Amino acid sequence: MRVLFMCTANSCRSILSEAMFNHLAPQGFEAVSAGSFPKGQVLPRSLTTLQEAGISIAGLTSKGNDAFEDNPPDIVITVCDKAAGEACPVYFGPALKAHWGLEDPSEVHGDETAINAAFHATLARIETRCRAFLALPFAELDRAALKCELDRISLL
């Protein structure tokens, strides 16, 4: 199963989600990320936060959703409020879509301690959601039931 985490800039929340999902995922599951208006670079603090959590940053790049035109995902999950109302590209056609909104830790103002805490709190919330996703009984869920579960996970 291929999951696309999508955000506007693909520099923070979608990158954190891709890395955490792949860190936790068993064989047969893969996450990628993209942005509707990619920044072109990953925020250094996103990479530092992942490294501090012991999660690989290998291969993480900021890219547009057109990067997956020839290999569309099974599920598209938007992770920022700005992306929630955006239309997914038509070539994602049958992909199941969900929204797991997250506040942007890069918009937190304050000292280094406060900013680091915001990034780590966001990563912890992503971990909770990814663990809930990966614990789903996929063989028992039809498309509608899976959509309900994805919506339920968004509240965690």
C-alpha atoms as a PDB file:
ATOM      1  CA  MET A   1       0.000   0.000   0.000  1.00  0.00           C
ATOM      2  CA  ARG A   2       1.355   3.405  -1.005  1.00  0.00           C
ATOM      3  CA  VAL A   3       0.381   6.465   1.050  1.00  0.00           C
ATOM      4  CA  LEU A   4       1.020  10.031  -0.101  1.00  0.00           C
ATOM      5  CA  PHE A   5       1.241  12.684   2.606  1.00  0.00           C
ATOM      6  CA  MET A   6       0.505  16.012   0.999  1.00  0.00           C
ATOM      7  CA  CYS A   7       0.997  19.546   2.254  1.00  0.00           C
ATOM      8  CA  THR A   8       1.400  22.908   0.609  1.00  0.00           C
ATOM      9  CA  ALA A   9       5.193  23.384   0.773  1.00  0.00           C
ATOM     10  CA  ASN A  10       6.330  19.769   1.381  1.00  0.00           C
ATOM     11  CA  SER A  11       8.999  21.002   3.756  1.00  0.00           C
ATOM     12  CA  CYS A  12       7.739  20.131   7.240  1.00  0.00           C
ATOM     13  CA  ARG A  13       4.542  18.234   8.172  1.00  0.00           C
ATOM     14  CA  SER A  14       4.347  16.033   5.079  1.00  0.00           C
ATOM     15  CA  ILE A  15       8.073  15.292   5.323  1.00  0.00           C
ATOM     16  CA  LEU A  16       7.764  14.392   9.023  1.00  0.00           C
ATOM     17  CA  SER A  17       4.782  12.164   8.152  1.00  0.00           C
ATOM     18  CA  GLU A  18       6.574  10.382   5.312  1.00  0.00           C
ATOM     19  CA  ALA A  19       9.636   9.676   7.445  1.00  0.00           C
ATOM     20  CA  MET A  20       7.691   8.529  10.524  1.00  0.00           C
ATOM     21  CA  PHE A  21       5.357   6.292   8.502  1.00  0.00           C
ATOM     22  CA  ASN A  22       8.276   4.607   6.738  1.00  0.00           C
ATOM     23  CA  HIS A  23      10.112   4.238  10.055  1.00  0.00           C
ATOM     24  CA  LEU A  24       7.154   2.316  11.512  1.00  0.00           C
ATOM     25  CA  ALA A  25       5.763   0.560   8.436  1.00  0.00           C
ATOM     26  CA  PRO A  26       6.082  -3.146   7.809  1.00  0.00           C
ATOM     27  CA  GLN A  27       6.998  -4.552   4.411  1.00  0.00           C
ATOM     28  CA  GLY A  28       4.329  -3.811   1.822  1.00  0.00           C
ATOM     29  CA  PHE A  29       3.635  -0.291   3.078  1.00  0.00           C
ATOM     30  CA  GLU A  30       5.354   2.810   1.754  1.00  0.00           C
ATOM     31  CA  ALA A  31       4.884   6.522   2.312  1.00  0.00           C
ATOM     32  CA  VAL A  32       5.899   9.356   0.035  1.00  0.00           C
ATOM     33  CA  SER A  33       5.235  13.064   0.335  1.00  0.00           C
ATOM     34  CA  ALA A  34       4.596  15.998  -1.943  1.00  0.00           C
ATOM     35  CA  GLY A  35       3.407  19.566  -1.980  1.00  0.00           C
ATOM     36  CA  SER A  36       0.866  21.419  -4.037  1.00  0.00           C
ATOM     37  CA  PHE A  37       3.327  24.337  -4.122  1.00  0.00           C
ATOM     38  CA  PRO A  38       6.621  22.731  -3.025  1.00  0.00           C
ATOM     39  CA  LYS A  39       9.217  24.905  -1.345  1.00  0.00           C
ATOM     40  CA  GLY A  40      12.003  22.966  -3.040  1.00  0.00           C
ATOM     41  CA  GLN A  41      13.862  22.271   0.194  1.00  0.00           C
ATOM     42  CA  VAL A  42      13.122  20.539   3.449  1.00  0.00           C
ATOM     43  CA  LEU A  43      13.245  22.718   6.555  1.00  0.00           C
ATOM     44  CA  PRO A  44      16.504  21.962   8.378  1.00  0.00           C
ATOM     45  CA  ARG A  45      14.621  21.772  11.698  1.00  0.00           C
ATOM     46  CA  SER A  46      12.401  19.026  10.252  1.00  0.00           C
ATOM     47  CA  LEU A  47      15.497  16.980   9.471  1.00  0.00           C
ATOM     48  CA  THR A  48      17.056  17.686  12.871  1.00  0.00           C
ATOM     49  CA  THR A  49      13.842  16.661  14.639  1.00  0.00           C
ATOM     50  CA  LEU A  50      13.771  13.371  12.750  1.00  0.00           C
ATOM     51  CA  GLN A  51      17.436  12.665  13.490  1.00  0.00           C
ATOM     52  CA  GLU A  52      16.923  13.415  17.186  1.00  0.00           C
ATOM     53  CA  ALA A  53      14.116  10.816  17.147  1.00  0.00           C
ATOM     54  CA  GLY A  54      16.381   8.244  15.501  1.00  0.00           C
ATOM     55  CA  ILE A  55      14.527   8.328  12.179  1.00  0.00           C
ATOM     56  CA  SER A  56      16.339   8.196   8.859  1.00  0.00           C
ATOM     57  CA  ILE A  57      16.332  11.327   6.703  1.00  0.00           C
ATOM     58  CA  ALA A  58      17.809   9.560   3.661  1.00  0.00           C
ATOM     59  CA  GLY A  59      16.059  10.490   0.437  1.00  0.00           C
ATOM     60  CA  LEU A  60      13.769  13.161   1.900  1.00  0.00           C
ATOM     61  CA  THR A  61      13.200  15.958  -0.610  1.00  0.00           C
ATOM     62  CA  SER A  62      10.620  18.645  -1.243  1.00  0.00           C
ATOM     63  CA  LYS A  63       8.733  17.859  -4.452  1.00  0.00           C
ATOM     64  CA  GLY A  64       5.460  18.512  -6.223  1.00  0.00           C
ATOM     65  CA  ASN A  65       2.591  16.060  -6.490  1.00  0.00           C
ATOM     66  CA  ASP A  66       3.355  15.626 -10.187  1.00  0.00           C
ATOM     67  CA  ALA A  67       6.316  13.479  -9.090  1.00  0.00           C
ATOM     68  CA  PHE A  68       3.834  10.612  -8.632  1.00  0.00           C
ATOM     69  CA  GLU A  69       1.885  10.964 -11.872  1.00  0.00           C
ATOM     70  CA  ASP A  70       3.232   7.657 -13.183  1.00  0.00           C
ATOM     71  CA  ASN A  71       2.939   5.841  -9.833  1.00  0.00           C
ATOM     72  CA  PRO A  72      -0.181   7.135  -8.060  1.00  0.00           C
ATOM     73  CA  PRO A  73      -0.792   6.399  -4.388  1.00  0.00           C
ATOM     74  CA  ASP A  74      -3.526   4.237  -2.906  1.00  0.00           C
ATOM     75  CA  ILE A  75      -4.273   6.816  -0.220  1.00  0.00           C
ATOM     76  CA  VAL A  76      -3.693  10.588  -0.156  1.00  0.00           C
ATOM     77  CA  ILE A  77      -3.602  12.230   3.273  1.00  0.00           C
ATOM     78  CA  THR A  78      -3.382  15.999   3.496  1.00  0.00           C
ATOM     79  CA  VAL A  79      -1.687  17.173   6.673  1.00  0.00           C
ATOM     80  CA  CYS A  80      -2.069  20.933   6.685  1.00  0.00           C
ATOM     81  CA  ASP A  81      -5.168  23.067   6.730  1.00  0.00           C
ATOM     82  CA  LYS A  82      -4.055  24.929   3.612  1.00  0.00           C
ATOM     83  CA  ALA A  83      -4.117  21.658   1.663  1.00  0.00           C
ATOM     84  CA  ALA A  84      -7.454  20.469   3.037  1.00  0.00           C
ATOM     85  CA  GLY A  85      -9.526  22.275   0.441  1.00  0.00           C
ATOM     86  CA  GLU A  86      -7.210  21.743  -2.491  1.00  0.00           C
ATOM     87  CA  ALA A  87      -8.205  19.343  -5.204  1.00  0.00           C
ATOM     88  CA  CYS A  88      -6.016  16.302  -5.597  1.00  0.00           C
ATOM     89  CA  PRO A  89      -4.665  15.921  -9.125  1.00  0.00           C
ATOM     90  CA  VAL A  90      -6.941  13.969 -11.428  1.00  0.00           C
ATOM     91  CA  TYR A  91      -4.315  11.250 -11.889  1.00  0.00           C
ATOM     92  CA  PHE A  92      -4.779  10.364  -8.197  1.00  0.00           C
ATOM     93  CA  GLY A  93      -8.290   9.398  -9.346  1.00  0.00           C
ATOM     94  CA  PRO A  94      -9.275   6.338  -7.342  1.00  0.00           C
ATOM     95  CA  ALA A  95      -6.974   7.109  -4.398  1.00  0.00           C
ATOM     96  CA  LEU A  96      -8.796   7.271  -1.085  1.00  0.00           C
ATOM     97  CA  LYS A  97      -8.476  10.772   0.355  1.00  0.00           C
ATOM     98  CA  ALA A  98      -8.360  11.895   3.982  1.00  0.00           C
ATOM     99  CA  HIS A  99      -7.324  14.962   5.952  1.00  0.00           C
ATOM    100  CA  TRP A 100      -5.159  14.760   9.079  1.00  0.00           C
ATOM    101  CA  GLY A 101      -4.694  18.474   9.806  1.00  0.00           C
ATOM    102  CA  LEU A 102      -1.681  19.496  11.845  1.00  0.00           C
ATOM    103  CA  GLU A 103      -0.641  22.891  13.111  1.00  0.00           C
ATOM    104  CA  ASP A 104       2.547  24.111  11.458  1.00  0.00           C
ATOM    105  CA  PRO A 105       5.406  23.928  13.984  1.00  0.00           C
ATOM    106  CA  SER A 106       7.516  26.175  11.741  1.00  0.00           C
ATOM    107  CA  GLU A 107       5.109  29.022  12.517  1.00  0.00           C
ATOM    108  CA  VAL A 108       5.742  28.812  16.277  1.00  0.00           C
ATOM    109  CA  HIS A 109       7.506  31.869  17.658  1.00  0.00           C
ATOM    110  CA  GLY A 110       9.634  31.877  20.747  1.00  0.00           C
ATOM    111  CA  ASP A 111      12.957  30.629  21.961  1.00  0.00           C
ATOM    112  CA  GLU A 112      14.716  27.503  20.725  1.00  0.00           C
ATOM    113  CA  THR A 113      13.129  25.408  23.478  1.00  0.00           C
ATOM    114  CA  ALA A 114       9.598  26.395  22.441  1.00  0.00           C
ATOM    115  CA  ILE A 115      10.258  25.830  18.744  1.00  0.00           C
ATOM    116  CA  ASN A 116      11.925  22.452  19.338  1.00  0.00           C
ATOM    117  CA  ALA A 117       9.017  21.439  21.578  1.00  0.00           C
ATOM    118  CA  ALA A 118       6.541  22.313  18.802  1.00  0.00           C
ATOM    119  CA  PHE A 119       8.401  20.171  16.260  1.00  0.00           C
ATOM    120  CA  HIS A 120       8.674  17.236  18.656  1.00  0.00           C
ATOM    121  CA  ALA A 121       4.995  17.504  19.629  1.00  0.00           C
ATOM    122  CA  THR A 122       4.012  17.457  15.951  1.00  0.00           C
ATOM    123  CA  LEU A 123       6.183  14.408  15.328  1.00  0.00           C
ATOM    124  CA  ALA A 124       4.635  12.655  18.357  1.00  0.00           C
ATOM    125  CA  ARG A 125       1.131  13.318  17.027  1.00  0.00           C
ATOM    126  CA  ILE A 126       2.144  11.973  13.624  1.00  0.00           C
ATOM    127  CA  GLU A 127       3.544   8.861  15.306  1.00  0.00           C
ATOM    128  CA  THR A 128       0.252   8.286  17.147  1.00  0.00           C
ATOM    129  CA  ARG A 129      -1.695   8.543  13.897  1.00  0.00           C
ATOM    130  CA  CYS A 130       0.708   6.353  11.910  1.00  0.00           C
ATOM    131  CA  ARG A 131       0.621   3.646  14.587  1.00  0.00           C
ATOM    132  CA  ALA A 132      -3.192   3.739  14.562  1.00  0.00           C
ATOM    133  CA  PHE A 133      -3.204   3.495  10.759  1.00  0.00           C
ATOM    134  CA  LEU A 134      -0.766   0.580  10.675  1.00  0.00           C
ATOM    135  CA  ALA A 135      -2.802  -1.274  13.328  1.00  0.00           C
ATOM    136  CA  LEU A 136      -5.940  -1.293  11.162  1.00  0.00           C
ATOM    137  CA  PRO A 137      -7.304  -4.693  10.065  1.00  0.00           C
ATOM    138  CA  PHE A 138      -6.968  -3.891   6.344  1.00  0.00           C
ATOM    139  CA  ALA A 139      -8.185  -7.311   5.188  1.00  0.00           C
ATOM    140  CA  GLU A 140     -11.488  -6.712   6.987  1.00  0.00           C
ATOM    141  CA  LEU A 141     -12.100  -3.150   5.760  1.00  0.00           C
ATOM    142  CA  ASP A 142     -13.880  -2.169   2.586  1.00  0.00           C
ATOM    143  CA  ARG A 143     -13.267   1.259   1.060  1.00  0.00           C
ATOM    144  CA  ALA A 144     -16.025   3.002   3.052  1.00  0.00           C
ATOM    145  CA  ALA A 145     -14.894   1.464   6.341  1.00  0.00           C
ATOM    146  CA  LEU A 146     -11.280   2.423   5.642  1.00  0.00           C
ATOM    147  CA  LYS A 147     -12.358   6.011   4.956  1.00  0.00           C
ATOM    148  CA  CYS A 148     -14.222   6.053   8.295  1.00  0.00           C
ATOM    149  CA  GLU A 149     -11.108   4.770  10.066  1.00  0.00           C
ATOM    150  CA  LEU A 150      -8.913   7.396   8.389  1.00  0.00           C
ATOM    151  CA  ASP A 151     -11.333  10.092   9.531  1.00  0.00           C
ATOM    152  CA  ARG A 152     -11.334   8.674  13.071  1.00  0.00           C
ATOM    153  CA  ILE A 153      -7.521   8.695  13.133  1.00  0.00           C
ATOM    154  CA  SER A 154      -7.538  12.378  12.180  1.00  0.00           C
ATOM    155  CA  LEU A 155      -8.988  13.112  15.628  1.00  0.00           C
ATOM    156  CA  LEU A 156      -6.066  11.499  17.483  1.00  0.00           C
END
